[in-house]
Amino acid sequence: MFTKVYKDYEKQWGQVIKFEKEGLPKSALILVSQIYQQAKSHGNKPQVLKALIYQASLKSQFEEDNLLKTIQDFEKELLGL
């Protein structure tokens, strides 16, 4: 079971990287948001944090003034860990 879940995340992150290389940050962000939700539901804290970091990075490419929102998202998540 653990191996299958790990491979699912690995496959999804591979697609995120592919979207980034193709210059598709919004597509990457959609997939990262899905990974985040999946990780939250599985209680997979490392994947949750990785998704938050990627979300912050991707949003900074096309959203202005996203820093405050990003900090708030991190604070909220860290308080829940």
Protein backbone atom coordinates (compact mmCIF):
# COMPACT_ATOMS: atom_id res chain seq x y z
CA MET A 1 0.00 0.00 0.00
CA PHE A 2 2.72 2.48 1.01
CA THR A 3 4.68 1.79 -2.18
CA LYS A 4 1.64 2.43 -4.39
CA VAL A 5 0.86 5.73 -2.65
CA TYR A 6 4.52 6.76 -2.92
CA LYS A 7 4.56 5.96 -6.62
CA ASP A 8 1.33 7.92 -7.13
CA TYR A 9 2.92 11.00 -5.57
CA GLU A 10 6.11 10.44 -7.54
CA LYS A 11 4.14 10.26 -10.79
CA GLN A 12 2.14 13.39 -9.94
CA TRP A 13 5.25 15.39 -9.04
CA GLY A 14 6.83 14.28 -12.30
CA GLN A 15 3.86 15.79 -14.14
CA VAL A 16 4.20 19.02 -12.12
CA ILE A 17 7.83 19.31 -13.18
CA LYS A 18 6.84 18.63 -16.79
CA PHE A 19 4.27 21.44 -16.66
CA GLU A 20 6.89 23.78 -15.19
CA LYS A 21 9.38 22.97 -17.94
CA GLU A 22 6.67 23.59 -20.54
CA GLY A 23 5.98 27.02 -19.04
CA LEU A 24 2.55 26.07 -17.71
CA PRO A 25 2.57 27.28 -14.09
CA LYS A 26 -1.23 27.41 -13.80
CA SER A 27 -1.55 23.78 -14.93
CA ALA A 28 1.19 22.84 -12.48
CA LEU A 29 -0.63 24.73 -9.72
CA ILE A 30 -3.87 22.88 -10.37
CA LEU A 31 -2.07 19.56 -10.03
CA VAL A 32 -0.15 20.70 -6.94
CA SER A 33 -3.47 21.70 -5.35
CA GLN A 34 -4.78 18.19 -6.02
CA ILE A 35 -1.63 16.68 -4.49
CA TYR A 36 -2.10 18.94 -1.47
CA GLN A 37 -5.69 17.79 -0.95
CA GLN A 38 -4.71 14.15 -1.40
CA ALA A 39 -1.83 14.49 1.07
CA LYS A 40 -4.10 16.22 3.61
CA SER A 41 -6.64 13.43 3.39
CA HIS A 42 -3.90 10.79 3.84
CA GLY A 43 -2.21 12.69 6.68
CA ASN A 44 1.01 12.80 4.65
CA LYS A 45 2.71 15.81 6.25
CA PRO A 46 5.87 15.79 4.10
CA GLN A 47 3.78 15.90 0.92
CA VAL A 48 1.55 18.62 2.39
CA LEU A 49 4.56 20.81 3.11
CA LYS A 50 6.10 20.10 -0.30
CA ALA A 51 2.82 21.07 -1.96
CA LEU A 52 2.64 24.31 0.05
CA ILE A 53 6.16 25.23 -1.01
CA TYR A 54 5.40 24.49 -4.65
CA GLN A 55 2.13 26.44 -4.46
CA ALA A 56 3.98 29.48 -3.14
CA SER A 57 6.59 29.24 -5.88
CA LEU A 58 4.08 28.76 -8.68
CA LYS A 59 1.71 31.50 -7.49
CA SER A 60 4.58 33.97 -7.37
CA GLN A 61 4.93 33.56 -11.14
CA PHE A 62 1.52 35.01 -11.96
CA GLU A 63 -0.06 36.50 -8.83
CA GLU A 64 0.95 39.87 -7.49
CA ASP A 65 1.15 40.41 -3.75
CA ASN A 66 0.83 36.73 -2.94
CA LEU A 67 3.47 36.79 -0.20
CA LEU A 68 1.08 37.65 2.65
CA LYS A 69 -1.41 34.98 1.58
CA THR A 70 1.43 32.45 1.31
CA ILE A 71 2.63 33.25 4.83
CA GLN A 72 -0.91 32.90 6.17
CA ASP A 73 -1.31 29.53 4.43
CA PHE A 74 1.94 28.29 5.96
CA GLU A 75 0.98 29.52 9.42
CA LYS A 76 -2.43 27.87 9.22
CA GLU A 77 -0.93 24.59 8.07
CA LEU A 78 1.87 24.56 10.62
CA LEU A 79 -0.56 25.21 13.45
CA GLY A 80 -2.53 22.18 12.30
CA LEU A 81 0.49 19.87 12.26
